[in-house]
N, C-alpha and C. Protein backbone atom coordinates (compact mmCIF):
# COMPACT_ATOMS: atom_id res chain seq x y z
N MET A 1 19.75 29.40 13.17
CA MET A 1 20.08 29.28 14.57
C MET A 1 19.09 28.32 15.22
N ALA A 2 19.57 27.32 15.88
CA ALA A 2 18.74 26.33 16.55
C ALA A 2 18.30 26.84 17.92
N THR A 3 17.10 26.49 18.29
CA THR A 3 16.61 26.86 19.61
C THR A 3 16.15 25.61 20.33
N ALA A 4 16.30 25.61 21.60
CA ALA A 4 15.87 24.49 22.42
C ALA A 4 14.50 24.79 22.99
N VAL A 5 13.68 23.78 23.04
CA VAL A 5 12.35 23.93 23.63
C VAL A 5 12.38 23.28 25.00
N ARG A 6 11.96 24.03 25.99
CA ARG A 6 11.93 23.50 27.34
C ARG A 6 10.49 23.45 27.82
N PHE A 7 10.16 22.37 28.51
CA PHE A 7 8.84 22.20 29.10
C PHE A 7 8.99 22.28 30.61
N ARG A 8 8.03 22.90 31.23
CA ARG A 8 8.01 22.91 32.68
C ARG A 8 7.69 21.50 33.17
N GLU A 9 8.21 21.15 34.31
CA GLU A 9 8.04 19.81 34.85
C GLU A 9 6.56 19.49 35.09
N GLU A 10 5.79 20.46 35.54
CA GLU A 10 4.37 20.20 35.81
C GLU A 10 3.58 19.95 34.52
N ASP A 11 4.11 20.41 33.38
CA ASP A 11 3.43 20.15 32.10
C ASP A 11 3.63 18.72 31.63
N LEU A 12 4.64 18.06 32.19
CA LEU A 12 4.95 16.70 31.76
C LEU A 12 4.50 15.66 32.78
N ASN A 13 3.47 15.97 33.53
CA ASN A 13 3.02 15.02 34.55
C ASN A 13 2.31 13.83 33.92
N GLU A 14 2.03 12.84 34.71
CA GLU A 14 1.43 11.60 34.20
C GLU A 14 0.04 11.81 33.63
N ALA A 15 -0.70 12.78 34.14
CA ALA A 15 -2.05 13.02 33.64
C ALA A 15 -2.02 13.45 32.18
N ASN A 16 -1.11 14.33 31.82
CA ASN A 16 -1.00 14.76 30.43
C ASN A 16 -0.60 13.61 29.53
N VAL A 17 0.33 12.80 29.97
CA VAL A 17 0.77 11.65 29.18
C VAL A 17 -0.38 10.66 29.02
N ALA A 18 -1.14 10.43 30.09
CA ALA A 18 -2.26 9.50 30.04
C ALA A 18 -3.34 10.01 29.08
N GLU A 19 -3.62 11.31 29.13
CA GLU A 19 -4.62 11.87 28.22
C GLU A 19 -4.17 11.72 26.77
N TRP A 20 -2.90 11.96 26.50
CA TRP A 20 -2.38 11.83 25.14
C TRP A 20 -2.46 10.39 24.67
N LYS A 21 -2.06 9.45 25.52
CA LYS A 21 -2.11 8.03 25.15
C LYS A 21 -3.55 7.58 24.91
N GLU A 22 -4.49 8.09 25.71
CA GLU A 22 -5.90 7.74 25.52
C GLU A 22 -6.41 8.26 24.18
N LEU A 23 -6.04 9.49 23.85
CA LEU A 23 -6.47 10.08 22.59
C LEU A 23 -5.92 9.31 21.40
N VAL A 24 -4.65 8.99 21.44
CA VAL A 24 -4.02 8.29 20.33
C VAL A 24 -4.46 6.83 20.30
N GLY A 25 -4.62 6.21 21.46
CA GLY A 25 -4.94 4.79 21.53
C GLY A 25 -6.34 4.45 21.05
N THR A 26 -7.28 5.38 21.12
CA THR A 26 -8.65 5.05 20.78
C THR A 26 -8.97 5.29 19.31
N ALA A 27 -8.17 6.07 18.62
CA ALA A 27 -8.47 6.43 17.24
C ALA A 27 -7.67 5.56 16.28
N ARG A 28 -8.23 4.42 15.90
CA ARG A 28 -7.59 3.50 14.97
C ARG A 28 -8.48 3.30 13.75
N CYS A 29 -7.87 3.23 12.61
CA CYS A 29 -8.59 3.05 11.35
C CYS A 29 -9.14 1.62 11.26
N SER A 30 -10.38 1.50 10.85
CA SER A 30 -10.99 0.18 10.71
C SER A 30 -10.48 -0.54 9.46
N ARG A 31 -9.95 0.19 8.51
CA ARG A 31 -9.45 -0.41 7.27
C ARG A 31 -8.03 -0.96 7.43
N CYS A 32 -7.12 -0.14 7.99
CA CYS A 32 -5.71 -0.54 8.04
C CYS A 32 -5.11 -0.54 9.44
N GLY A 33 -5.84 -0.01 10.43
CA GLY A 33 -5.31 0.06 11.79
C GLY A 33 -4.44 1.26 12.04
N GLY A 34 -4.37 2.18 11.09
CA GLY A 34 -3.53 3.37 11.23
C GLY A 34 -4.14 4.40 12.17
N LEU A 35 -3.40 5.46 12.39
CA LEU A 35 -3.82 6.54 13.29
C LEU A 35 -4.87 7.41 12.62
N MET A 36 -5.98 7.63 13.32
CA MET A 36 -7.03 8.52 12.84
C MET A 36 -6.87 9.88 13.50
N VAL A 37 -6.96 10.93 12.70
CA VAL A 37 -6.88 12.29 13.21
C VAL A 37 -8.16 13.02 12.84
N VAL A 38 -8.54 14.00 13.66
CA VAL A 38 -9.73 14.80 13.40
C VAL A 38 -9.35 15.89 12.41
N GLU A 39 -10.17 16.04 11.40
CA GLU A 39 -9.90 17.02 10.36
C GLU A 39 -11.17 17.83 10.09
N GLN A 40 -11.03 19.12 9.93
CA GLN A 40 -12.18 19.96 9.59
C GLN A 40 -12.32 20.00 8.08
N CYS A 41 -13.51 19.64 7.59
CA CYS A 41 -13.77 19.60 6.16
C CYS A 41 -14.79 20.68 5.81
N PHE A 42 -14.75 21.14 4.58
CA PHE A 42 -15.65 22.19 4.12
C PHE A 42 -16.45 21.68 2.94
N ASP A 43 -17.76 21.95 2.98
CA ASP A 43 -18.66 21.56 1.89
C ASP A 43 -19.35 22.83 1.40
N PHE A 44 -18.83 23.39 0.32
CA PHE A 44 -19.36 24.65 -0.20
C PHE A 44 -20.68 24.47 -0.94
N LEU A 45 -21.02 23.23 -1.31
CA LEU A 45 -22.25 22.98 -2.05
C LEU A 45 -23.41 22.55 -1.16
N ASP A 46 -23.17 22.44 0.14
CA ASP A 46 -24.22 22.02 1.07
C ASP A 46 -25.24 23.14 1.24
N ASP A 47 -26.51 22.82 1.06
CA ASP A 47 -27.55 23.83 1.17
C ASP A 47 -28.25 23.83 2.53
N SER A 48 -27.74 23.07 3.50
CA SER A 48 -28.36 23.03 4.82
C SER A 48 -27.89 24.17 5.72
N GLY A 49 -26.94 24.95 5.27
CA GLY A 49 -26.44 26.05 6.08
C GLY A 49 -25.19 25.71 6.87
N HIS A 50 -24.77 24.45 6.85
CA HIS A 50 -23.55 24.06 7.55
C HIS A 50 -22.41 24.03 6.54
N LEU A 51 -21.47 24.92 6.73
CA LEU A 51 -20.37 25.02 5.79
C LEU A 51 -19.26 24.02 6.09
N SER A 52 -19.02 23.76 7.37
CA SER A 52 -17.92 22.86 7.71
C SER A 52 -18.41 21.74 8.64
N PHE A 53 -17.66 20.67 8.66
CA PHE A 53 -17.95 19.54 9.54
C PHE A 53 -16.63 18.87 9.89
N PHE A 54 -16.65 18.08 10.94
CA PHE A 54 -15.45 17.37 11.36
C PHE A 54 -15.55 15.91 10.94
N ALA A 55 -14.43 15.37 10.52
CA ALA A 55 -14.35 13.98 10.11
C ALA A 55 -13.05 13.40 10.63
N ASN A 56 -13.00 12.09 10.72
CA ASN A 56 -11.77 11.39 11.08
C ASN A 56 -11.11 10.92 9.80
N ARG A 57 -9.80 11.17 9.69
CA ARG A 57 -9.05 10.75 8.51
C ARG A 57 -7.85 9.93 8.96
N CYS A 58 -7.61 8.83 8.28
CA CYS A 58 -6.46 7.97 8.58
C CYS A 58 -5.22 8.57 7.91
N VAL A 59 -4.15 8.73 8.68
CA VAL A 59 -2.93 9.29 8.11
C VAL A 59 -2.18 8.27 7.26
N GLN A 60 -2.53 7.00 7.39
CA GLN A 60 -1.82 5.97 6.65
C GLN A 60 -2.49 5.64 5.31
N CYS A 61 -3.80 5.40 5.31
CA CYS A 61 -4.46 4.98 4.06
C CYS A 61 -5.41 6.04 3.50
N GLY A 62 -5.72 7.08 4.27
CA GLY A 62 -6.58 8.15 3.77
C GLY A 62 -8.07 7.92 3.99
N GLU A 63 -8.45 6.86 4.67
CA GLU A 63 -9.87 6.59 4.96
C GLU A 63 -10.48 7.81 5.65
N LEU A 64 -11.62 8.26 5.17
CA LEU A 64 -12.31 9.42 5.74
C LEU A 64 -13.65 8.96 6.27
N VAL A 65 -13.93 9.26 7.54
CA VAL A 65 -15.17 8.84 8.17
C VAL A 65 -15.80 10.07 8.81
N ASP A 66 -17.02 10.40 8.36
CA ASP A 66 -17.77 11.50 8.94
C ASP A 66 -19.12 10.98 9.41
N PRO A 67 -19.94 11.79 10.05
CA PRO A 67 -21.23 11.30 10.58
C PRO A 67 -22.15 10.71 9.50
N VAL A 68 -22.14 11.26 8.30
CA VAL A 68 -22.99 10.73 7.23
C VAL A 68 -22.52 9.34 6.80
N ILE A 69 -21.22 9.16 6.69
CA ILE A 69 -20.68 7.85 6.32
C ILE A 69 -21.01 6.82 7.40
N LEU A 70 -20.86 7.20 8.66
CA LEU A 70 -21.19 6.27 9.75
C LEU A 70 -22.66 5.89 9.73
N GLU A 71 -23.55 6.85 9.48
CA GLU A 71 -24.99 6.55 9.42
C GLU A 71 -25.31 5.62 8.26
N ASN A 72 -24.72 5.87 7.10
CA ASN A 72 -24.95 5.01 5.94
C ASN A 72 -24.45 3.59 6.18
N ARG A 73 -23.31 3.46 6.83
CA ARG A 73 -22.79 2.12 7.14
C ARG A 73 -23.71 1.40 8.12
N ARG A 74 -24.24 2.15 9.10
CA ARG A 74 -25.16 1.55 10.07
C ARG A 74 -26.42 1.06 9.39
N LEU A 75 -26.99 1.89 8.50
CA LEU A 75 -28.21 1.51 7.79
C LEU A 75 -27.96 0.31 6.87
N ARG A 76 -26.80 0.29 6.24
CA ARG A 76 -26.46 -0.82 5.35
C ARG A 76 -26.33 -2.12 6.14
N LEU A 77 -25.73 -2.02 7.33
CA LEU A 77 -25.59 -3.20 8.18
C LEU A 77 -26.96 -3.70 8.63
N LEU A 78 -27.83 -2.79 9.03
CA LEU A 78 -29.18 -3.19 9.45
C LEU A 78 -29.94 -3.81 8.29
N SER A 79 -29.79 -3.26 7.10
CA SER A 79 -30.46 -3.80 5.92
C SER A 79 -29.96 -5.22 5.63
N GLY A 80 -28.67 -5.42 5.77
CA GLY A 80 -28.10 -6.75 5.54
C GLY A 80 -28.58 -7.75 6.57
N LEU A 81 -28.73 -7.32 7.81
CA LEU A 81 -29.23 -8.21 8.85
C LEU A 81 -30.68 -8.60 8.58
N GLU A 82 -31.48 -7.63 8.11
CA GLU A 82 -32.87 -7.94 7.80
C GLU A 82 -32.96 -8.93 6.65
N LYS A 83 -32.12 -8.79 5.65
CA LYS A 83 -32.12 -9.72 4.52
C LYS A 83 -31.76 -11.12 4.99
N ASN A 84 -30.77 -11.22 5.88
CA ASN A 84 -30.37 -12.52 6.40
C ASN A 84 -31.50 -13.15 7.19
N GLU A 85 -32.23 -12.37 7.98
CA GLU A 85 -33.34 -12.90 8.75
C GLU A 85 -34.45 -13.39 7.84
N ARG A 86 -34.74 -12.63 6.77
CA ARG A 86 -35.78 -13.06 5.83
C ARG A 86 -35.37 -14.35 5.14
N GLY A 87 -34.09 -14.45 4.80
CA GLY A 87 -33.61 -15.67 4.15
C GLY A 87 -33.73 -16.88 5.06
N LEU A 88 -33.45 -16.72 6.34
CA LEU A 88 -33.61 -17.82 7.27
C LEU A 88 -35.06 -18.22 7.46
N LYS A 89 -35.95 -17.23 7.51
CA LYS A 89 -37.38 -17.53 7.68
C LYS A 89 -37.93 -18.25 6.46
N ASN A 90 -37.50 -17.83 5.26
CA ASN A 90 -37.99 -18.47 4.04
C ASN A 90 -37.45 -19.89 3.88
N SER A 91 -36.26 -20.12 4.34
CA SER A 91 -35.70 -21.46 4.19
C SER A 91 -36.31 -22.45 5.18
N LEU A 92 -36.83 -21.94 6.28
CA LEU A 92 -37.43 -22.83 7.27
C LEU A 92 -38.87 -23.20 6.93
N CYS A 93 -39.53 -22.41 6.12
CA CYS A 93 -40.94 -22.66 5.82
C CYS A 93 -41.13 -23.70 4.77
């Protein structure tokens, strides 16, 4: 048996639509441009006492981004910038 879902008119106001568009519009995958969703992940082997954490996962390509991955990417970028600066200084001397 099919049922119809009805929404109250005040639930469909512009503020709710704007909030939804903002949420969907800001979460884009850096790899493929797909939609990123928040997913709760569990790490049973973590000894820091934190059993779960939140990560962003792309529904299109599966890219997973959590705070540790973001920190590692940031450090890698900074390391690469330092190497480039050293290379420029050595070539000028």
